[in-house]
Amino acid sequence: MGLDSETKVIKLEKKICELKDFSKAENIDLSTEIKILQSKIDIFKNEIYTNLTPWDKVKLSRLQDRPTSLDYINNVFSTFIELHGDRTYGDDPSIVGGLALLEDIVVTVIGQQKGKNTKDNIYRNFGMPHPEGYRKALRLMKQAQKFKRPIICFIDTPGAYCGIGAEERCQGEAIARNLIEMANIDVPIISIVIGEGGSGGALALSVSDEIWMLEHSIYSILSPEGFASILWKDSQRAEEASKIMKITAEDLKQFGIIDKIIKEPLGGVHKNPIECYSEIKGLLIETINRLNSMNKITLTSKRYEKYRAIGEFMLGYN
């Protein structure tokens, strides 16, 4: 039973609303009937969300209702001061970043930002950063290193923007530069995949000491549509591609690619984001304190070993 079965839940929820309205209008006690229907809804939800296919998770990760990076930033941190520009070309709204306060810890936070509606999505380029976005992110990371601030990255992108302008401004070089520099930055780095983690566009913010994923997020070399187009010359086989790409949090945790899965509320994080904000805040405080206790050489050495092990695993897996 996948997300397509959620229509049953919607119908039952609609029926409950009708019963409540009728009960109020006619002054009739229908609490028993409502309780029975609510019990059925709970059963259906458990069946749906504990048996999701990889394609179901792709669809969940792309929901416009899911919290964006700014939602996490504004709810996990008590203060956020946004900084703009890469000091080379311009500012990219697809990546937001700046200084934030995590209780009494000053951190640098960076996030890939999608829009909440069509107009906002156009402004944010649908969460697909340009080179200046990655250069802005790197500028903030280098600043964090200078002032000994931990770095927290929120990942949510289908991939880096591949338009002509982005290529003219050296998109590939900007991503590669981030990978090189992040490997050697000697302050703690934590990356959290909150929705889509697509291609090099996601990797450019995820060379970290720890990578976490929300339960229904995805993290992959490219989109299932792109994978299907390359492998079978047919993007319509994206659902089939998602099953063999190993893009879910469970698969990646099993392979040792990620370090932690953050459980989502039943139905997805958008159903009860406050619960998720609170859990992430607690995990961040605990992990930053642990990573801060390491000396610089140990921190960067362990990061190197982590990615060396991932590389060796991928060579063996292929």
C-alpha atoms as a PDB file:
ATOM      1  CA  MET A   1       0.000   0.000   0.000  1.00  0.00           C
ATOM      2  CA  GLY A   2       1.610   3.273  -1.148  1.00  0.00           C
ATOM      3  CA  LEU A   3       0.734   6.948  -1.258  1.00  0.00           C
ATOM      4  CA  ASP A   4      -1.995   6.316  -3.844  1.00  0.00           C
ATOM      5  CA  SER A   5      -4.034   4.695  -1.034  1.00  0.00           C
ATOM      6  CA  GLU A   6      -4.067   8.010   0.820  1.00  0.00           C
ATOM      7  CA  THR A   7      -7.293   8.846  -1.063  1.00  0.00           C
ATOM      8  CA  LYS A   8      -9.060   6.453   1.347  1.00  0.00           C
ATOM      9  CA  VAL A   9      -7.745   8.463   4.262  1.00  0.00           C
ATOM     10  CA  ILE A  10      -8.873  11.735   2.675  1.00  0.00           C
ATOM     11  CA  LYS A  11     -12.378  10.343   2.121  1.00  0.00           C
ATOM     12  CA  LEU A  12     -12.609   9.137   5.727  1.00  0.00           C
ATOM     13  CA  GLU A  13     -11.359  12.474   7.070  1.00  0.00           C
ATOM     14  CA  LYS A  14     -13.979  14.230   4.935  1.00  0.00           C
ATOM     15  CA  LYS A  15     -16.637  11.884   6.337  1.00  0.00           C
ATOM     16  CA  ILE A  16     -15.553  12.720   9.902  1.00  0.00           C
ATOM     17  CA  CYS A  17     -15.919  16.451   9.159  1.00  0.00           C
ATOM     18  CA  GLU A  18     -19.409  15.843   7.771  1.00  0.00           C
ATOM     19  CA  LEU A  19     -20.409  13.835  10.847  1.00  0.00           C
ATOM     20  CA  LYS A  20     -19.100  16.537  13.172  1.00  0.00           C
ATOM     21  CA  ASP A  21     -21.047  19.230  11.290  1.00  0.00           C
ATOM     22  CA  PHE A  22     -24.220  17.099  11.306  1.00  0.00           C
ATOM     23  CA  SER A  23     -23.783  16.285  15.011  1.00  0.00           C
ATOM     24  CA  LYS A  24     -23.453  19.974  15.841  1.00  0.00           C
ATOM     25  CA  ALA A  25     -26.360  21.083  13.644  1.00  0.00           C
ATOM     26  CA  GLU A  26     -28.778  18.384  14.839  1.00  0.00           C
ATOM     27  CA  ASN A  27     -27.458  18.173  18.406  1.00  0.00           C
ATOM     28  CA  ILE A  28     -26.906  14.405  18.052  1.00  0.00           C
ATOM     29  CA  ASP A  29     -24.061  12.512  19.749  1.00  0.00           C
ATOM     30  CA  LEU A  30     -22.059  10.775  17.016  1.00  0.00           C
ATOM     31  CA  SER A  31     -18.828  10.479  19.005  1.00  0.00           C
ATOM     32  CA  THR A  32     -18.827   6.649  18.777  1.00  0.00           C
ATOM     33  CA  GLU A  33     -19.116   6.684  14.976  1.00  0.00           C
ATOM     34  CA  ILE A  34     -16.439   9.379  14.712  1.00  0.00           C
ATOM     35  CA  LYS A  35     -14.129   7.383  16.990  1.00  0.00           C
ATOM     36  CA  ILE A  36     -14.547   4.272  14.792  1.00  0.00           C
ATOM     37  CA  LEU A  37     -13.725   6.227  11.644  1.00  0.00           C
ATOM     38  CA  GLN A  38     -10.702   7.851  13.311  1.00  0.00           C
ATOM     39  CA  SER A  39      -9.462   4.393  14.271  1.00  0.00           C
ATOM     40  CA  LYS A  40      -9.734   3.281  10.640  1.00  0.00           C
ATOM     41  CA  ILE A  41      -7.793   6.379   9.541  1.00  0.00           C
ATOM     42  CA  ASP A  42      -4.993   5.580  11.982  1.00  0.00           C
ATOM     43  CA  ILE A  43      -4.800   2.001  10.679  1.00  0.00           C
ATOM     44  CA  PHE A  44      -4.710   3.169   7.053  1.00  0.00           C
ATOM     45  CA  LYS A  45      -2.009   5.747   7.808  1.00  0.00           C
ATOM     46  CA  ASN A  46       0.177   3.167   9.499  1.00  0.00           C
ATOM     47  CA  GLU A  47      -0.220   0.819   6.527  1.00  0.00           C
ATOM     48  CA  ILE A  48       0.552   3.599   4.045  1.00  0.00           C
ATOM     49  CA  TYR A  49       3.542   5.196   5.697  1.00  0.00           C
ATOM     50  CA  THR A  50       5.259   2.038   6.912  1.00  0.00           C
ATOM     51  CA  ASN A  51       5.203   0.477   3.435  1.00  0.00           C
ATOM     52  CA  LEU A  52       6.354   3.308   1.210  1.00  0.00           C
ATOM     53  CA  THR A  53       8.121   2.474  -2.042  1.00  0.00           C
ATOM     54  CA  PRO A  54      11.216   4.445  -3.134  1.00  0.00           C
ATOM     55  CA  TRP A  55       9.021   6.301  -5.630  1.00  0.00           C
ATOM     56  CA  ASP A  56       6.591   7.227  -2.861  1.00  0.00           C
ATOM     57  CA  LYS A  57       9.541   8.732  -0.987  1.00  0.00           C
ATOM     58  CA  VAL A  58      10.614  10.654  -4.081  1.00  0.00           C
ATOM     59  CA  LYS A  59       7.141  12.189  -4.251  1.00  0.00           C
ATOM     60  CA  LEU A  60       7.129  12.954  -0.525  1.00  0.00           C
ATOM     61  CA  SER A  61      10.558  14.580  -0.707  1.00  0.00           C
ATOM     62  CA  ARG A  62       9.293  16.926  -3.428  1.00  0.00           C
ATOM     63  CA  LEU A  63       6.064  18.009  -1.737  1.00  0.00           C
ATOM     64  CA  GLN A  64       5.692  21.773  -1.709  1.00  0.00           C
ATOM     65  CA  ASP A  65       4.232  21.489   1.799  1.00  0.00           C
ATOM     66  CA  ARG A  66       7.504  20.168   3.220  1.00  0.00           C
ATOM     67  CA  PRO A  67       9.430  22.670   5.361  1.00  0.00           C
ATOM     68  CA  THR A  68      12.201  24.486   3.492  1.00  0.00           C
ATOM     69  CA  SER A  69      15.675  25.371   4.737  1.00  0.00           C
ATOM     70  CA  LEU A  70      14.441  28.745   6.000  1.00  0.00           C
ATOM     71  CA  ASP A  71      11.689  26.999   7.974  1.00  0.00           C
ATOM     72  CA  TYR A  72      14.302  24.912   9.765  1.00  0.00           C
ATOM     73  CA  ILE A  73      16.616  27.885  10.234  1.00  0.00           C
ATOM     74  CA  ASN A  74      13.866  30.062  11.713  1.00  0.00           C
ATOM     75  CA  ASN A  75      12.589  27.351  14.057  1.00  0.00           C
ATOM     76  CA  VAL A  76      15.735  25.493  15.144  1.00  0.00           C
ATOM     77  CA  PHE A  77      17.824  28.609  15.813  1.00  0.00           C
ATOM     78  CA  SER A  78      16.859  31.496  18.080  1.00  0.00           C
ATOM     79  CA  THR A  79      18.583  34.121  15.915  1.00  0.00           C
ATOM     80  CA  PHE A  80      19.522  34.209  12.236  1.00  0.00           C
ATOM     81  CA  ILE A  81      21.383  36.992  10.424  1.00  0.00           C
ATOM     82  CA  GLU A  82      21.442  36.350   6.679  1.00  0.00           C
ATOM     83  CA  LEU A  83      24.554  37.302   4.693  1.00  0.00           C
ATOM     84  CA  HIS A  84      24.532  37.816   0.943  1.00  0.00           C
ATOM     85  CA  GLY A  85      26.799  37.637  -2.070  1.00  0.00           C
ATOM     86  CA  ASP A  86      29.859  35.696  -3.175  1.00  0.00           C
ATOM     87  CA  ARG A  87      32.077  38.833  -3.470  1.00  0.00           C
ATOM     88  CA  THR A  88      32.755  37.837  -7.085  1.00  0.00           C
ATOM     89  CA  TYR A  89      29.567  37.968  -9.157  1.00  0.00           C
ATOM     90  CA  GLY A  90      26.385  38.365  -7.136  1.00  0.00           C
ATOM     91  CA  ASP A  91      23.910  36.839  -4.722  1.00  0.00           C
ATOM     92  CA  ASP A  92      22.037  33.609  -5.379  1.00  0.00           C
ATOM     93  CA  PRO A  93      18.641  33.277  -3.620  1.00  0.00           C
ATOM     94  CA  SER A  94      18.781  29.482  -4.145  1.00  0.00           C
ATOM     95  CA  ILE A  95      21.259  29.314  -1.273  1.00  0.00           C
ATOM     96  CA  VAL A  96      20.675  31.172   1.986  1.00  0.00           C
ATOM     97  CA  GLY A  97      23.266  31.474   4.711  1.00  0.00           C
ATOM     98  CA  GLY A  98      24.531  33.477   7.616  1.00  0.00           C
ATOM     99  CA  LEU A  99      25.097  33.495  11.362  1.00  0.00           C
ATOM    100  CA  ALA A 100      22.743  31.747  13.753  1.00  0.00           C
ATOM    101  CA  LEU A 101      22.437  31.058  17.458  1.00  0.00           C
ATOM    102  CA  LEU A 102      21.841  27.471  18.577  1.00  0.00           C
ATOM    103  CA  GLU A 103      21.034  28.107  22.230  1.00  0.00           C
ATOM    104  CA  ASP A 104      24.396  29.560  23.333  1.00  0.00           C
ATOM    105  CA  ILE A 105      26.427  28.243  20.364  1.00  0.00           C
ATOM    106  CA  VAL A 106      27.178  30.634  17.490  1.00  0.00           C
ATOM    107  CA  VAL A 107      27.122  28.709  14.205  1.00  0.00           C
ATOM    108  CA  THR A 108      27.212  29.329  10.479  1.00  0.00           C
ATOM    109  CA  VAL A 109      24.155  27.899   8.756  1.00  0.00           C
ATOM    110  CA  ILE A 110      23.730  27.389   5.002  1.00  0.00           C
ATOM    111  CA  GLY A 111      20.711  25.991   3.183  1.00  0.00           C
ATOM    112  CA  GLN A 112      19.465  25.308  -0.308  1.00  0.00           C
ATOM    113  CA  GLN A 113      16.153  27.102  -0.539  1.00  0.00           C
ATOM    114  CA  LYS A 114      13.098  26.142  -2.599  1.00  0.00           C
ATOM    115  CA  GLY A 115      10.030  28.340  -2.957  1.00  0.00           C
ATOM    116  CA  LYS A 116       6.652  28.024  -1.269  1.00  0.00           C
ATOM    117  CA  ASN A 117       4.685  28.946  -4.394  1.00  0.00           C
ATOM    118  CA  THR A 118       5.275  29.476  -8.110  1.00  0.00           C
ATOM    119  CA  LYS A 119       6.459  33.078  -7.768  1.00  0.00           C
ATOM    120  CA  ASP A 120       8.814  32.200  -4.919  1.00  0.00           C
ATOM    121  CA  ASN A 121      10.080  29.131  -6.769  1.00  0.00           C
ATOM    122  CA  ILE A 122      10.993  31.264  -9.776  1.00  0.00           C
ATOM    123  CA  TYR A 123      12.862  33.665  -7.486  1.00  0.00           C
ATOM    124  CA  ARG A 124      14.664  30.742  -5.806  1.00  0.00           C
ATOM    125  CA  ASN A 125      15.245  29.011  -9.174  1.00  0.00           C
ATOM    126  CA  PHE A 126      13.384  25.964  -7.811  1.00  0.00           C
ATOM    127  CA  GLY A 127      16.227  25.335  -5.366  1.00  0.00           C
ATOM    128  CA  MET A 128      18.826  24.847  -8.120  1.00  0.00           C
ATOM    129  CA  PRO A 129      21.888  26.955  -7.228  1.00  0.00           C
ATOM    130  CA  HIS A 130      24.105  28.887  -9.617  1.00  0.00           C
ATOM    131  CA  PRO A 131      27.909  28.985  -9.203  1.00  0.00           C
ATOM    132  CA  GLU A 132      27.642  32.182  -7.156  1.00  0.00           C
ATOM    133  CA  GLY A 133      25.454  30.282  -4.679  1.00  0.00           C
ATOM    134  CA  TYR A 134      28.158  27.714  -4.065  1.00  0.00           C
ATOM    135  CA  ARG A 135      30.807  30.437  -3.891  1.00  0.00           C
ATOM    136  CA  LYS A 136      28.691  32.308  -1.341  1.00  0.00           C
ATOM    137  CA  ALA A 137      28.414  29.097   0.674  1.00  0.00           C
ATOM    138  CA  LEU A 138      32.175  28.597   0.550  1.00  0.00           C
ATOM    139  CA  ARG A 139      32.796  32.210   1.575  1.00  0.00           C
ATOM    140  CA  LEU A 140      30.621  31.669   4.640  1.00  0.00           C
ATOM    141  CA  MET A 141      32.367  28.388   5.452  1.00  0.00           C
ATOM    142  CA  LYS A 142      35.804  30.008   5.277  1.00  0.00           C
ATOM    143  CA  GLN A 143      34.509  32.795   7.508  1.00  0.00           C
ATOM    144  CA  ALA A 144      33.229  30.159   9.946  1.00  0.00           C
ATOM    145  CA  GLN A 145      36.650  28.537  10.002  1.00  0.00           C
ATOM    146  CA  LYS A 146      38.313  31.879  10.721  1.00  0.00           C
ATOM    147  CA  PHE A 147      36.047  32.538  13.704  1.00  0.00           C
ATOM    148  CA  LYS A 148      35.865  28.880  14.831  1.00  0.00           C
ATOM    149  CA  ARG A 149      32.131  28.474  14.265  1.00  0.00           C
ATOM    150  CA  PRO A 150      30.551  25.055  13.530  1.00  0.00           C
ATOM    151  CA  ILE A 151      28.851  24.785  10.124  1.00  0.00           C
ATOM    152  CA  ILE A 152      25.368  23.349   9.536  1.00  0.00           C
ATOM    153  CA  CYS A 153      24.099  22.739   5.993  1.00  0.00           C
ATOM    154  CA  PHE A 154      20.512  21.990   4.959  1.00  0.00           C
ATOM    155  CA  ILE A 155      20.344  20.135   1.646  1.00  0.00           C
ATOM    156  CA  ASP A 156      17.271  20.317  -0.586  1.00  0.00           C
ATOM    157  CA  THR A 157      17.944  20.553  -4.319  1.00  0.00           C
ATOM    158  CA  PRO A 158      17.117  18.590  -7.477  1.00  0.00           C
ATOM    159  CA  GLY A 159      20.676  19.494  -8.529  1.00  0.00           C
ATOM    160  CA  ALA A 160      22.816  22.447  -9.503  1.00  0.00           C
ATOM    161  CA  TYR A 161      21.419  24.689 -12.243  1.00  0.00           C
ATOM    162  CA  CYS A 162      22.779  23.651 -15.644  1.00  0.00           C
ATOM    163  CA  GLY A 163      21.857  26.679 -17.742  1.00  0.00           C
ATOM    164  CA  ILE A 164      24.256  28.407 -20.143  1.00  0.00           C
ATOM    165  CA  GLY A 165      24.984  31.258 -17.741  1.00  0.00           C
ATOM    166  CA  ALA A 166      25.855  28.860 -14.942  1.00  0.00           C
ATOM    167  CA  GLU A 167      28.211  26.928 -17.184  1.00  0.00           C
ATOM    168  CA  GLU A 168      29.811  30.157 -18.410  1.00  0.00           C
ATOM    169  CA  ARG A 169      30.486  31.094 -14.783  1.00  0.00           C
ATOM    170  CA  CYS A 170      32.103  27.678 -14.156  1.00  0.00           C
ATOM    171  CA  GLN A 171      29.473  25.667 -12.314  1.00  0.00           C
ATOM    172  CA  GLY A 172      31.640  22.542 -12.254  1.00  0.00           C
ATOM    173  CA  GLU A 173      34.634  24.402 -10.838  1.00  0.00           C
ATOM    174  CA  ALA A 174      32.498  26.005  -8.113  1.00  0.00           C
ATOM    175  CA  ILE A 175      31.191  22.608  -6.982  1.00  0.00           C
ATOM    176  CA  ALA A 176      34.629  20.986  -7.152  1.00  0.00           C
ATOM    177  CA  ARG A 177      36.151  23.846  -5.162  1.00  0.00           C
ATOM    178  CA  ASN A 178      33.596  23.313  -2.399  1.00  0.00           C
ATOM    179  CA  LEU A 179      34.456  19.608  -2.213  1.00  0.00           C
ATOM    180  CA  ILE A 180      38.168  20.324  -1.898  1.00  0.00           C
ATOM    181  CA  GLU A 181      37.789  23.115   0.640  1.00  0.00           C
ATOM    182  CA  MET A 182      35.169  21.381   2.812  1.00  0.00           C
ATOM    183  CA  ALA A 183      37.438  18.363   3.183  1.00  0.00           C
ATOM    184  CA  ASN A 184      40.012  20.562   4.918  1.00  0.00           C
ATOM    185  CA  ILE A 185      37.916  23.036   6.919  1.00  0.00           C
ATOM    186  CA  ASP A 186      38.885  22.411  10.547  1.00  0.00           C
ATOM    187  CA  VAL A 187      35.583  23.187  12.281  1.00  0.00           C
ATOM    188  CA  PRO A 188      32.683  20.721  12.707  1.00  0.00           C
ATOM    189  CA  ILE A 189      30.400  20.372   9.669  1.00  0.00           C
ATOM    190  CA  ILE A 190      26.984  18.702   9.797  1.00  0.00           C
ATOM    191  CA  SER A 191      24.805  18.302   6.694  1.00  0.00           C
ATOM    192  CA  ILE A 192      21.114  17.406   6.833  1.00  0.00           C
ATOM    193  CA  VAL A 193      19.152  16.245   3.772  1.00  0.00           C
ATOM    194  CA  ILE A 194      15.644  17.610   4.348  1.00  0.00           C
ATOM    195  CA  GLY A 195      14.082  16.886   0.945  1.00  0.00           C
ATOM    196  CA  GLU A 196      15.831  16.166  -2.327  1.00  0.00           C
ATOM    197  CA  GLY A 197      19.573  15.613  -2.280  1.00  0.00           C
ATOM    198  CA  GLY A 198      20.334  15.553  -5.974  1.00  0.00           C
ATOM    199  CA  SER A 199      23.624  15.164  -7.833  1.00  0.00           C
ATOM    200  CA  GLY A 200      26.750  17.294  -7.360  1.00  0.00           C
ATOM    201  CA  GLY A 201      24.467  20.160  -6.405  1.00  0.00           C
ATOM    202  CA  ALA A 202      23.788  18.393  -3.100  1.00  0.00           C
ATOM    203  CA  LEU A 203      27.290  16.971  -2.702  1.00  0.00           C
ATOM    204  CA  ALA A 204      28.744  20.495  -2.785  1.00  0.00           C
ATOM    205  CA  LEU A 205      27.284  21.078   0.696  1.00  0.00           C
ATOM    206  CA  SER A 206      27.680  17.604   2.143  1.00  0.00           C
ATOM    207  CA  VAL A 207      31.376  16.896   2.642  1.00  0.00           C
ATOM    208  CA  SER A 208      30.738  16.790   6.369  1.00  0.00           C
ATOM    209  CA  ASP A 209      31.684  15.093   9.588  1.00  0.00           C
ATOM    210  CA  GLU A 210      28.147  13.752   9.752  1.00  0.00           C
ATOM    211  CA  ILE A 211      25.371  13.492   7.158  1.00  0.00           C
ATOM    212  CA  TRP A 212      21.805  13.051   8.374  1.00  0.00           C
ATOM    213  CA  MET A 213      18.657  12.420   6.354  1.00  0.00           C
ATOM    214  CA  LEU A 214      15.022  12.915   7.166  1.00  0.00           C
ATOM    215  CA  GLU A 215      13.177   9.607   6.930  1.00  0.00           C
ATOM    216  CA  HIS A 216      11.352  10.445   3.681  1.00  0.00           C
ATOM    217  CA  SER A 217      14.102  12.420   1.959  1.00  0.00           C
ATOM    218  CA  ILE A 218      16.264  11.119  -0.898  1.00  0.00           C
ATOM    219  CA  TYR A 219      19.969  11.423  -1.700  1.00  0.00           C
ATOM    220  CA  SER A 220      21.238  10.363  -5.110  1.00  0.00           C
ATOM    221  CA  ILE A 221      23.688  10.860  -7.968  1.00  0.00           C
ATOM    222  CA  LEU A 222      20.880  12.440 -10.027  1.00  0.00           C
ATOM    223  CA  SER A 223      17.094  12.423 -10.249  1.00  0.00           C
ATOM    224  CA  PRO A 224      15.278   9.174 -11.105  1.00  0.00           C
ATOM    225  CA  GLU A 225      14.037  10.903 -14.277  1.00  0.00           C
ATOM    226  CA  GLY A 226      17.600  11.742 -15.287  1.00  0.00           C
ATOM    227  CA  PHE A 227      18.786   8.242 -14.442  1.00  0.00           C
ATOM    228  CA  ALA A 228      16.011   6.687 -16.555  1.00  0.00           C
ATOM    229  CA  SER A 229      16.749   9.057 -19.445  1.00  0.00           C
ATOM    230  CA  ILE A 230      20.423   8.081 -19.479  1.00  0.00           C
ATOM    231  CA  LEU A 231      19.992   4.356 -18.891  1.00  0.00           C
ATOM    232  CA  TRP A 232      16.855   3.631 -20.923  1.00  0.00           C
ATOM    233  CA  LYS A 233      16.374   6.849 -22.939  1.00  0.00           C
ATOM    234  CA  ASP A 234      12.944   7.098 -21.308  1.00  0.00           C
ATOM    235  CA  SER A 235      12.258   9.465 -18.410  1.00  0.00           C
ATOM    236  CA  GLN A 236       8.823   7.853 -17.954  1.00  0.00           C
ATOM    237  CA  ARG A 237      10.593   4.915 -16.294  1.00  0.00           C
ATOM    238  CA  ALA A 238      11.591   7.092 -13.337  1.00  0.00           C
ATOM    239  CA  GLU A 239       9.593   4.994 -10.873  1.00  0.00           C
ATOM    240  CA  GLU A 240      11.436   1.887 -11.994  1.00  0.00           C
ATOM    241  CA  ALA A 241      14.737   3.732 -11.745  1.00  0.00           C
ATOM    242  CA  SER A 242      14.028   4.829  -8.173  1.00  0.00           C
ATOM    243  CA  LYS A 243      13.812   1.187  -7.098  1.00  0.00           C
ATOM    244  CA  ILE A 244      17.324   0.314  -8.263  1.00  0.00           C
ATOM    245  CA  MET A 245      19.122   3.566  -7.407  1.00  0.00           C
ATOM    246  CA  LYS A 246      19.216   2.979  -3.624  1.00  0.00           C
ATOM    247  CA  ILE A 247      18.250   6.570  -2.822  1.00  0.00           C
ATOM    248  CA  THR A 248      16.292   6.186   0.426  1.00  0.00           C
ATOM    249  CA  ALA A 249      17.600   6.977   3.888  1.00  0.00           C
ATOM    250  CA  GLU A 250      17.330   3.311   4.906  1.00  0.00           C
ATOM    251  CA  ASP A 251      19.453   2.137   1.958  1.00  0.00           C
ATOM    252  CA  LEU A 252      22.101   4.803   2.470  1.00  0.00           C
ATOM    253  CA  LYS A 253      22.327   4.197   6.210  1.00  0.00           C
ATOM    254  CA  GLN A 254      22.833   0.499   5.535  1.00  0.00           C
ATOM    255  CA  PHE A 255      25.641   1.312   3.087  1.00  0.00           C
ATOM    256  CA  GLY A 256      27.316   3.674   5.559  1.00  0.00           C
ATOM    257  CA  ILE A 257      26.883   6.708   3.290  1.00  0.00           C
ATOM    258  CA  ILE A 258      24.893   8.620   5.919  1.00  0.00           C
ATOM    259  CA  ASP A 259      25.202   8.631   9.696  1.00  0.00           C
ATOM    260  CA  LYS A 260      21.688   9.178  11.016  1.00  0.00           C
ATOM    261  CA  ILE A 261      18.038   8.916   9.985  1.00  0.00           C
ATOM    262  CA  ILE A 262      15.712  11.491  11.534  1.00  0.00           C
ATOM    263  CA  LYS A 263      12.263   9.966  11.899  1.00  0.00           C
ATOM    264  CA  GLU A 264       9.384  11.980  10.492  1.00  0.00           C
ATOM    265  CA  PRO A 265       5.883  12.286  11.975  1.00  0.00           C
ATOM    266  CA  LEU A 266       3.298   9.907  10.522  1.00  0.00           C
ATOM    267  CA  GLY A 267       2.404  11.238   7.077  1.00  0.00           C
ATOM    268  CA  GLY A 268       5.614  13.223   6.637  1.00  0.00           C
ATOM    269  CA  VAL A 269       7.411  16.093   8.323  1.00  0.00           C
ATOM    270  CA  HIS A 270       4.898  18.617   6.949  1.00  0.00           C
ATOM    271  CA  LYS A 271       2.198  17.072   9.164  1.00  0.00           C
ATOM    272  CA  ASN A 272       3.963  18.099  12.385  1.00  0.00           C
ATOM    273  CA  PRO A 273       7.153  20.064  11.669  1.00  0.00           C
ATOM    274  CA  ILE A 274       7.496  21.377  15.247  1.00  0.00           C
ATOM    275  CA  GLU A 275       8.275  17.860  16.444  1.00  0.00           C
ATOM    276  CA  CYS A 276      11.046  17.538  13.864  1.00  0.00           C
ATOM    277  CA  TYR A 277      12.514  20.990  14.599  1.00  0.00           C
ATOM    278  CA  SER A 278      12.817  20.071  18.260  1.00  0.00           C
ATOM    279  CA  GLU A 279      14.530  16.748  17.552  1.00  0.00           C
ATOM    280  CA  ILE A 280      17.015  18.315  15.127  1.00  0.00           C
ATOM    281  CA  LYS A 281      17.863  21.044  17.612  1.00  0.00           C
ATOM    282  CA  GLY A 282      18.662  18.524  20.324  1.00  0.00           C
ATOM    283  CA  LEU A 283      20.731  16.364  17.978  1.00  0.00           C
ATOM    284  CA  LEU A 284      22.691  19.368  16.711  1.00  0.00           C
ATOM    285  CA  ILE A 285      23.598  20.568  20.212  1.00  0.00           C
ATOM    286  CA  GLU A 286      24.704  17.098  21.268  1.00  0.00           C
ATOM    287  CA  THR A 287      26.736  16.446  18.094  1.00  0.00           C
ATOM    288  CA  ILE A 288      28.399  19.863  17.933  1.00  0.00           C
ATOM    289  CA  ASN A 289      29.545  19.550  21.537  1.00  0.00           C
ATOM    290  CA  ARG A 290      31.013  16.130  20.744  1.00  0.00           C
ATOM    291  CA  LEU A 291      32.763  17.268  17.550  1.00  0.00           C
ATOM    292  CA  ASN A 292      34.054  20.436  19.232  1.00  0.00           C
ATOM    293  CA  SER A 293      35.854  18.282  21.766  1.00  0.00           C
ATOM    294  CA  MET A 294      38.128  16.900  19.014  1.00  0.00           C
ATOM    295  CA  ASN A 295      41.297  18.695  18.003  1.00  0.00           C
ATOM    296  CA  LYS A 296      41.558  20.024  14.442  1.00  0.00           C
ATOM    297  CA  ILE A 297      43.829  17.283  13.126  1.00  0.00           C
ATOM    298  CA  THR A 298      41.599  14.497  14.487  1.00  0.00           C
ATOM    299  CA  LEU A 299      38.481  16.180  13.085  1.00  0.00           C
ATOM    300  CA  THR A 300      39.776  16.578   9.521  1.00  0.00           C
ATOM    301  CA  SER A 301      41.482  13.155   9.563  1.00  0.00           C
ATOM    302  CA  LYS A 302      38.249  11.410  10.540  1.00  0.00           C
ATOM    303  CA  ARG A 303      36.402  13.332   7.813  1.00  0.00           C
ATOM    304  CA  TYR A 304      38.979  12.201   5.256  1.00  0.00           C
ATOM    305  CA  GLU A 305      38.740   8.592   6.446  1.00  0.00           C
ATOM    306  CA  LYS A 306      34.951   8.758   6.233  1.00  0.00           C
ATOM    307  CA  TYR A 307      34.957   9.751   2.569  1.00  0.00           C
ATOM    308  CA  ARG A 308      37.828   7.429   1.724  1.00  0.00           C
ATOM    309  CA  ALA A 309      35.746   4.556   3.116  1.00  0.00           C
ATOM    310  CA  ILE A 310      32.686   5.689   1.119  1.00  0.00           C
ATOM    311  CA  GLY A 311      34.796   5.841  -2.051  1.00  0.00           C
ATOM    312  CA  GLU A 312      36.218   2.374  -1.487  1.00  0.00           C
ATOM    313  CA  PHE A 313      32.730   1.021  -0.809  1.00  0.00           C
ATOM    314  CA  MET A 314      31.353   2.528  -4.009  1.00  0.00           C
ATOM    315  CA  LEU A 315      34.212   1.074  -6.080  1.00  0.00           C
ATOM    316  CA  GLY A 316      33.543  -2.333  -4.566  1.00  0.00           C
ATOM    317  CA  TYR A 317      29.773  -2.001  -4.939  1.00  0.00           C
ATOM    318  CA  ASN A 318      30.079  -1.198  -8.640  1.00  0.00           C
END
